[in-house]
């Protein structure tokens, strides 16, 4: 994945407040809180406890929205995301192992 343009924060850097993240994701703040309650998204927290979302979180919210629009319930979305995360981890590990062989 290409790095974000210089004027944007790194995709893993949590900088967006909940209202900004909800707006960027095209969902309501309460929906975002619901997703957090169901464990679909886990924002970083500032020292004062304020939720902060990253570009990676926004991408995850986009995926959640896509699955929801397809009629998948929240439990199903959670399982799909878990499997996708595991697959990404395994793919990254495979790639690291392949590089070690060359």
C-alpha atoms as a PDB file:
ATOM      1  CA  UNK A   1       0.000   0.000   0.000  1.00  0.00           C
ATOM      2  CA  UNK A   2       1.344   3.410  -0.927  1.00  0.00           C
ATOM      3  CA  UNK A   3       2.004   5.902   1.857  1.00  0.00           C
ATOM      4  CA  UNK A   4      -0.499   8.729   2.184  1.00  0.00           C
ATOM      5  CA  UNK A   5       0.311  12.090   0.600  1.00  0.00           C
ATOM      6  CA  UNK A   6       2.607  14.277   2.692  1.00  0.00           C
ATOM      7  CA  UNK A   7      -0.239  16.509   3.878  1.00  0.00           C
ATOM      8  CA  UNK A   8      -2.113  13.548   5.424  1.00  0.00           C
ATOM      9  CA  UNK A   9      -1.132  11.705   8.605  1.00  0.00           C
ATOM     10  CA  UNK A  10       0.233   8.165   8.351  1.00  0.00           C
ATOM     11  CA  UNK A  11      -2.604   5.643   8.002  1.00  0.00           C
ATOM     12  CA  UNK A  12      -1.846   4.088  11.397  1.00  0.00           C
ATOM     13  CA  UNK A  13      -1.706   7.446  13.236  1.00  0.00           C
ATOM     14  CA  UNK A  14      -4.887   8.049  15.251  1.00  0.00           C
ATOM     15  CA  UNK A  15      -5.759  11.718  14.786  1.00  0.00           C
ATOM     16  CA  UNK A  16      -9.465  11.938  13.917  1.00  0.00           C
ATOM     17  CA  UNK A  17     -12.073  12.725  16.585  1.00  0.00           C
ATOM     18  CA  UNK A  18     -15.228  10.609  16.590  1.00  0.00           C
ATOM     19  CA  UNK A  19     -17.339  13.263  14.837  1.00  0.00           C
ATOM     20  CA  UNK A  20     -14.743  13.689  12.083  1.00  0.00           C
ATOM     21  CA  UNK A  21     -14.294   9.926  11.668  1.00  0.00           C
ATOM     22  CA  UNK A  22     -18.060   9.433  11.439  1.00  0.00           C
ATOM     23  CA  UNK A  23     -18.362  12.178   8.832  1.00  0.00           C
ATOM     24  CA  UNK A  24     -15.455  10.846   6.780  1.00  0.00           C
ATOM     25  CA  UNK A  25     -16.896   7.324   6.951  1.00  0.00           C
ATOM     26  CA  UNK A  26     -20.380   8.531   6.034  1.00  0.00           C
ATOM     27  CA  UNK A  27     -22.000   7.137   9.177  1.00  0.00           C
ATOM     28  CA  UNK A  28     -23.513   8.573  12.336  1.00  0.00           C
ATOM     29  CA  UNK A  29     -21.615   9.001  15.582  1.00  0.00           C
ATOM     30  CA  UNK A  30     -24.049   6.645  17.333  1.00  0.00           C
ATOM     31  CA  UNK A  31     -23.451   4.013  14.651  1.00  0.00           C
ATOM     32  CA  UNK A  32     -19.723   4.362  15.195  1.00  0.00           C
ATOM     33  CA  UNK A  33     -20.242   3.876  18.939  1.00  0.00           C
ATOM     34  CA  UNK A  34     -22.395   0.814  18.212  1.00  0.00           C
ATOM     35  CA  UNK A  35     -19.611  -0.681  16.103  1.00  0.00           C
ATOM     36  CA  UNK A  36     -17.214  -0.094  18.982  1.00  0.00           C
ATOM     37  CA  UNK A  37     -19.625  -1.750  21.456  1.00  0.00           C
ATOM     38  CA  UNK A  38     -19.720  -4.810  19.195  1.00  0.00           C
ATOM     39  CA  UNK A  39     -15.925  -4.925  18.976  1.00  0.00           C
ATOM     40  CA  UNK A  40     -15.803  -4.158  15.257  1.00  0.00           C
ATOM     41  CA  UNK A  41     -13.537  -1.146  15.746  1.00  0.00           C
ATOM     42  CA  UNK A  42     -11.230  -0.181  18.594  1.00  0.00           C
ATOM     43  CA  UNK A  43     -10.112   3.427  18.459  1.00  0.00           C
ATOM     44  CA  UNK A  44      -7.011   4.694  20.193  1.00  0.00           C
ATOM     45  CA  UNK A  45      -7.572   6.908  23.206  1.00  0.00           C
ATOM     46  CA  UNK A  46      -5.923  10.184  24.061  1.00  0.00           C
ATOM     47  CA  UNK A  47      -4.461  10.741  27.534  1.00  0.00           C
ATOM     48  CA  UNK A  48      -7.836  12.233  28.502  1.00  0.00           C
ATOM     49  CA  UNK A  49      -9.773   9.233  27.145  1.00  0.00           C
ATOM     50  CA  UNK A  50     -11.013  10.845  23.934  1.00  0.00           C
ATOM     51  CA  UNK A  51     -11.500   8.450  21.037  1.00  0.00           C
ATOM     52  CA  UNK A  52      -9.060   8.945  18.161  1.00  0.00           C
ATOM     53  CA  UNK A  53      -9.385   7.198  14.807  1.00  0.00           C
ATOM     54  CA  UNK A  54      -6.711   6.524  12.191  1.00  0.00           C
ATOM     55  CA  UNK A  55      -6.801   6.166   8.433  1.00  0.00           C
ATOM     56  CA  UNK A  56      -6.716   2.398   8.967  1.00  0.00           C
ATOM     57  CA  UNK A  57      -9.796   2.718  11.187  1.00  0.00           C
ATOM     58  CA  UNK A  58     -11.545   4.694   8.442  1.00  0.00           C
ATOM     59  CA  UNK A  59     -10.748   1.921   5.933  1.00  0.00           C
ATOM     60  CA  UNK A  60     -12.164  -0.630   8.385  1.00  0.00           C
ATOM     61  CA  UNK A  61     -15.312   1.472   8.779  1.00  0.00           C
ATOM     62  CA  UNK A  62     -15.671   1.505   5.000  1.00  0.00           C
ATOM     63  CA  UNK A  63     -15.457  -2.299   4.974  1.00  0.00           C
ATOM     64  CA  UNK A  64     -18.023  -2.529   7.776  1.00  0.00           C
ATOM     65  CA  UNK A  65     -20.360  -0.264   5.790  1.00  0.00           C
ATOM     66  CA  UNK A  66     -19.925  -2.397   2.663  1.00  0.00           C
ATOM     67  CA  UNK A  67     -20.753  -5.586   4.549  1.00  0.00           C
ATOM     68  CA  UNK A  68     -23.708  -3.966   6.305  1.00  0.00           C
ATOM     69  CA  UNK A  69     -25.083  -2.755   2.961  1.00  0.00           C
ATOM     70  CA  UNK A  70     -24.907  -6.357   1.744  1.00  0.00           C
ATOM     71  CA  UNK A  71     -27.190  -7.359   4.612  1.00  0.00           C
ATOM     72  CA  UNK A  72     -24.591  -8.961   6.894  1.00  0.00           C
ATOM     73  CA  UNK A  73     -25.478  -8.587  10.578  1.00  0.00           C
ATOM     74  CA  UNK A  74     -22.981  -7.235  13.126  1.00  0.00           C
ATOM     75  CA  UNK A  75     -21.997 -10.683  14.401  1.00  0.00           C
ATOM     76  CA  UNK A  76     -21.321 -11.796  10.838  1.00  0.00           C
ATOM     77  CA  UNK A  77     -19.349  -8.635  10.126  1.00  0.00           C
ATOM     78  CA  UNK A  78     -17.239  -9.295  13.202  1.00  0.00           C
ATOM     79  CA  UNK A  79     -16.444 -12.827  12.051  1.00  0.00           C
ATOM     80  CA  UNK A  80     -15.645 -11.724   8.502  1.00  0.00           C
ATOM     81  CA  UNK A  81     -13.306  -9.000   9.772  1.00  0.00           C
ATOM     82  CA  UNK A  82     -11.613 -11.479  12.089  1.00  0.00           C
ATOM     83  CA  UNK A  83     -11.021 -13.888   9.207  1.00  0.00           C
ATOM     84  CA  UNK A  84      -9.775 -11.088   6.938  1.00  0.00           C
ATOM     85  CA  UNK A  85      -7.370  -9.904   9.651  1.00  0.00           C
ATOM     86  CA  UNK A  86      -6.065 -13.439  10.164  1.00  0.00           C
ATOM     87  CA  UNK A  87      -5.633 -13.873   6.427  1.00  0.00           C
ATOM     88  CA  UNK A  88      -3.689 -10.589   6.184  1.00  0.00           C
ATOM     89  CA  UNK A  89      -1.439 -11.653   9.079  1.00  0.00           C
ATOM     90  CA  UNK A  90      -0.763 -15.040   7.508  1.00  0.00           C
ATOM     91  CA  UNK A  91      -0.044 -13.478   4.122  1.00  0.00           C
ATOM     92  CA  UNK A  92       2.424 -11.042   5.703  1.00  0.00           C
ATOM     93  CA  UNK A  93       4.130 -13.888   7.570  1.00  0.00           C
ATOM     94  CA  UNK A  94       4.362 -15.949   4.377  1.00  0.00           C
ATOM     95  CA  UNK A  95       5.913 -13.009   2.554  1.00  0.00           C
ATOM     96  CA  UNK A  96       8.475 -12.517   5.346  1.00  0.00           C
ATOM     97  CA  UNK A  97       9.388 -16.190   5.208  1.00  0.00           C
ATOM     98  CA  UNK A  98       9.747 -16.094   1.433  1.00  0.00           C
ATOM     99  CA  UNK A  99      12.059 -13.099   1.665  1.00  0.00           C
ATOM    100  CA  UNK A 100      14.209 -14.994   4.155  1.00  0.00           C
ATOM    101  CA  UNK A 101      14.689 -17.767   1.610  1.00  0.00           C
ATOM    102  CA  UNK A 102      16.036 -15.426  -1.059  1.00  0.00           C
END
